[in-house]
Amino acid sequence: MDRTRNLHHLLAELIRAHGFEPKVLEQKVFALWPECLSRNEHFAPLATNTVPISLSNGILKIYTEYSAYKSSLLLNKPKILADINAEFKKPVLTDFRVEIKPLLVKPQETEDQPSSPETPEEDSTIGNTHQVTPEQLEKIEQVLANVSDTHLRESLWQLFTAQSKDNP
């Protein structure tokens, strides 16, 4: 138990020191989005037909392909916001915006397709190609060298590489 507490403290300090707190929060919201919607039978179709895209200043940007889903989200906005904020026990989301865009990757497909840092990723919102530099990869590997939990290590690796791509 003591080792877990120490690891939790170490990771919290690393996240804080490297300025990854906003990205960690964003990933938590992204993970909770389909989970919270799936709990309500009326919102279940929204969970599989909407994708959270970004979180900035408490405002979540969401894409969906159909105007009916957009309307449903907007009609149920107070309930959805309350459900997600209840998970955090504080008001993390103040609002969300919904855009109708084609979903190139369905939400259920994203978990099984980790990105590779050696391959440039296409940024669908800008159209630019971003690549993590070897120096950034080395630094990330050093930070994660002592993380023994495989799932946690992979999640942190994805988070850190995404942050590196955002801040080249």
Protein backbone atom coordinates (compact mmCIF):
# COMPACT_ATOMS: atom_id res chain seq x y z
CA MET A 1 0.00 0.00 0.00
CA ASP A 2 2.87 2.34 0.84
CA ARG A 3 4.47 1.79 -2.58
CA THR A 4 1.18 2.59 -4.30
CA ARG A 5 0.84 5.81 -2.33
CA ASN A 6 4.43 6.76 -3.19
CA LEU A 7 3.85 6.00 -6.88
CA HIS A 8 0.65 8.04 -6.85
CA HIS A 9 2.50 10.95 -5.23
CA LEU A 10 5.40 10.66 -7.71
CA LEU A 11 3.09 10.60 -10.72
CA ALA A 12 1.07 13.53 -9.39
CA GLU A 13 4.29 15.49 -8.95
CA LEU A 14 5.53 14.59 -12.46
CA ILE A 15 2.21 15.58 -13.99
CA ARG A 16 2.22 18.87 -12.11
CA ALA A 17 5.90 19.62 -12.80
CA HIS A 18 5.58 19.05 -16.55
CA GLY A 19 2.30 20.93 -16.91
CA PHE A 20 0.28 17.89 -17.94
CA GLU A 21 -2.64 18.58 -15.56
CA PRO A 22 -4.95 19.99 -18.28
CA LYS A 23 -4.27 16.99 -20.53
CA VAL A 24 -4.88 14.53 -17.69
CA LEU A 25 -8.18 16.24 -16.91
CA GLU A 26 -9.10 16.19 -20.59
CA GLN A 27 -8.40 12.46 -20.80
CA LYS A 28 -10.51 11.80 -17.70
CA VAL A 29 -13.42 13.73 -19.21
CA PHE A 30 -13.00 11.87 -22.52
CA ALA A 31 -13.06 8.53 -20.68
CA LEU A 32 -16.11 9.48 -18.59
CA TRP A 33 -18.13 10.85 -21.51
CA PRO A 34 -19.36 7.52 -22.97
CA GLU A 35 -19.52 5.91 -19.52
CA CYS A 36 -21.82 8.60 -18.10
CA LEU A 37 -24.03 8.63 -21.18
CA SER A 38 -24.32 4.84 -21.22
CA ARG A 39 -25.75 4.77 -17.68
CA ASN A 40 -28.97 6.39 -18.90
CA GLU A 41 -30.93 4.31 -21.40
CA HIS A 42 -32.12 7.45 -23.20
CA PHE A 43 -28.55 8.69 -23.65
CA ALA A 44 -27.01 5.34 -24.62
CA PRO A 45 -27.14 6.05 -28.40
CA LEU A 46 -25.31 9.30 -27.74
CA ALA A 47 -22.44 7.42 -26.12
CA THR A 48 -21.68 5.53 -29.32
CA ASN A 49 -22.45 8.32 -31.78
CA THR A 50 -20.58 11.25 -30.26
CA VAL A 51 -16.88 11.90 -29.75
CA PRO A 52 -15.36 14.42 -27.34
CA ILE A 53 -12.66 16.33 -29.19
CA SER A 54 -11.22 18.94 -26.85
CA LEU A 55 -11.62 20.55 -23.45
CA SER A 56 -10.72 24.17 -22.90
CA ASN A 57 -11.69 26.44 -20.00
CA GLY A 58 -14.41 24.03 -18.90
CA ILE A 59 -16.00 23.81 -22.34
CA LEU A 60 -16.05 20.40 -24.01
CA LYS A 61 -16.16 20.24 -27.81
CA ILE A 62 -18.07 17.25 -29.18
CA TYR A 63 -18.52 15.92 -32.71
CA THR A 64 -21.49 13.93 -33.94
CA GLU A 65 -22.61 13.00 -37.44
CA TYR A 66 -26.32 13.60 -37.01
CA SER A 67 -28.37 16.67 -36.14
CA ALA A 68 -30.79 14.52 -34.10
CA TYR A 69 -27.94 13.61 -31.73
CA LYS A 70 -26.88 17.23 -31.52
CA SER A 71 -30.43 18.23 -30.61
CA SER A 72 -30.67 15.51 -28.00
CA LEU A 73 -27.37 16.56 -26.44
CA LEU A 74 -28.41 20.19 -26.29
CA LEU A 75 -31.85 19.38 -24.85
CA ASN A 76 -30.25 17.26 -22.11
CA LYS A 77 -27.23 19.49 -21.51
CA PRO A 78 -27.94 20.31 -17.82
CA LYS A 79 -28.40 16.63 -16.90
CA ILE A 80 -25.32 15.49 -18.84
CA LEU A 81 -23.13 18.25 -17.34
CA ALA A 82 -24.40 17.43 -13.85
CA ASP A 83 -23.69 13.70 -14.31
CA ILE A 84 -20.12 14.26 -15.48
CA ASN A 85 -19.37 16.90 -12.83
CA ALA A 86 -20.75 14.54 -10.16
CA GLU A 87 -18.04 12.06 -11.12
CA PHE A 88 -15.38 14.66 -10.34
CA LYS A 89 -17.21 15.94 -7.24
CA LYS A 90 -16.58 19.47 -8.52
CA PRO A 91 -17.62 21.55 -11.54
CA VAL A 92 -15.09 20.59 -14.21
CA LEU A 93 -17.40 21.15 -17.18
CA THR A 94 -19.30 24.40 -17.49
CA ASP A 95 -20.65 23.83 -20.98
CA PHE A 96 -20.27 21.80 -24.14
CA ARG A 97 -20.47 22.66 -27.80
CA VAL A 98 -21.64 20.20 -30.42
CA GLU A 99 -20.57 20.25 -34.06
CA ILE A 100 -21.88 18.05 -36.83
CA LYS A 101 -18.88 16.44 -38.50
CA PRO A 102 -18.21 13.02 -39.99
CA LEU A 103 -16.71 10.71 -37.40
CA LEU A 104 -13.66 9.20 -39.06
CA VAL A 105 -13.13 6.87 -36.12
CA LYS A 106 -16.06 5.59 -34.12
CA PRO A 107 -15.67 6.02 -30.33
CA GLN A 108 -15.51 2.27 -29.60
CA GLU A 109 -12.61 1.86 -32.08
CA THR A 110 -10.28 4.36 -30.43
CA GLU A 111 -9.29 2.26 -27.40
CA ASP A 112 -7.87 -0.60 -29.45
CA GLN A 113 -5.75 1.54 -31.75
CA PRO A 114 -2.86 3.12 -29.84
CA SER A 115 -0.82 5.65 -31.73
CA SER A 116 2.84 5.06 -32.47
CA PRO A 117 5.27 7.88 -31.74
CA GLU A 118 7.55 6.89 -34.61
CA THR A 119 4.76 7.44 -37.15
CA PRO A 120 3.59 10.98 -37.83
CA GLU A 121 -0.05 11.49 -36.92
CA GLU A 122 -2.41 13.52 -39.02
CA ASP A 123 -4.03 16.29 -37.03
CA SER A 124 -7.59 16.21 -38.37
CA THR A 125 -8.45 19.70 -37.16
CA ILE A 126 -5.51 21.44 -38.82
CA GLY A 127 -4.22 19.02 -41.44
CA ASN A 128 -0.61 19.27 -40.25
CA THR A 129 1.67 16.37 -39.46
CA HIS A 130 3.25 16.36 -36.01
CA GLN A 131 5.99 14.02 -34.90
CA VAL A 132 7.49 13.45 -31.48
CA THR A 133 11.21 14.18 -31.57
CA PRO A 134 13.76 11.58 -30.43
CA GLU A 135 14.74 13.90 -27.55
CA GLN A 136 11.12 14.07 -26.39
CA LEU A 137 10.79 10.28 -26.63
CA GLU A 138 13.95 9.79 -24.59
CA LYS A 139 12.71 12.15 -21.90
CA ILE A 140 9.33 10.41 -21.77
CA GLU A 141 10.99 7.00 -21.48
CA GLN A 142 13.18 8.26 -18.62
CA VAL A 143 10.17 9.60 -16.75
CA LEU A 144 8.26 6.32 -17.19
CA ALA A 145 11.19 3.96 -16.56
CA ASN A 146 10.10 3.10 -13.01
CA VAL A 147 6.37 2.73 -13.67
CA SER A 148 5.73 -0.99 -13.37
CA ASP A 149 1.97 -1.03 -14.05
CA THR A 150 1.70 -1.70 -17.79
CA HIS A 151 -1.72 -0.09 -18.27
CA LEU A 152 -0.70 3.02 -16.35
CA ARG A 153 2.61 3.22 -18.23
CA GLU A 154 0.83 2.99 -21.62
CA SER A 155 -1.72 5.62 -20.62
CA LEU A 156 0.93 8.01 -19.39
CA TRP A 157 3.05 7.36 -22.48
CA GLN A 158 0.11 8.27 -24.73
CA LEU A 159 -0.61 11.36 -22.66
CA PHE A 160 3.00 12.55 -22.65
CA THR A 161 3.49 11.93 -26.38
CA ALA A 162 0.25 13.76 -27.17
CA GLN A 163 1.41 16.69 -25.04
CA SER A 164 4.79 16.64 -26.82
CA LYS A 165 3.03 16.80 -30.18
CA ASP A 166 0.99 19.78 -28.99
CA ASN A 167 4.14 21.56 -27.78
CA PRO A 168 6.97 20.66 -30.20
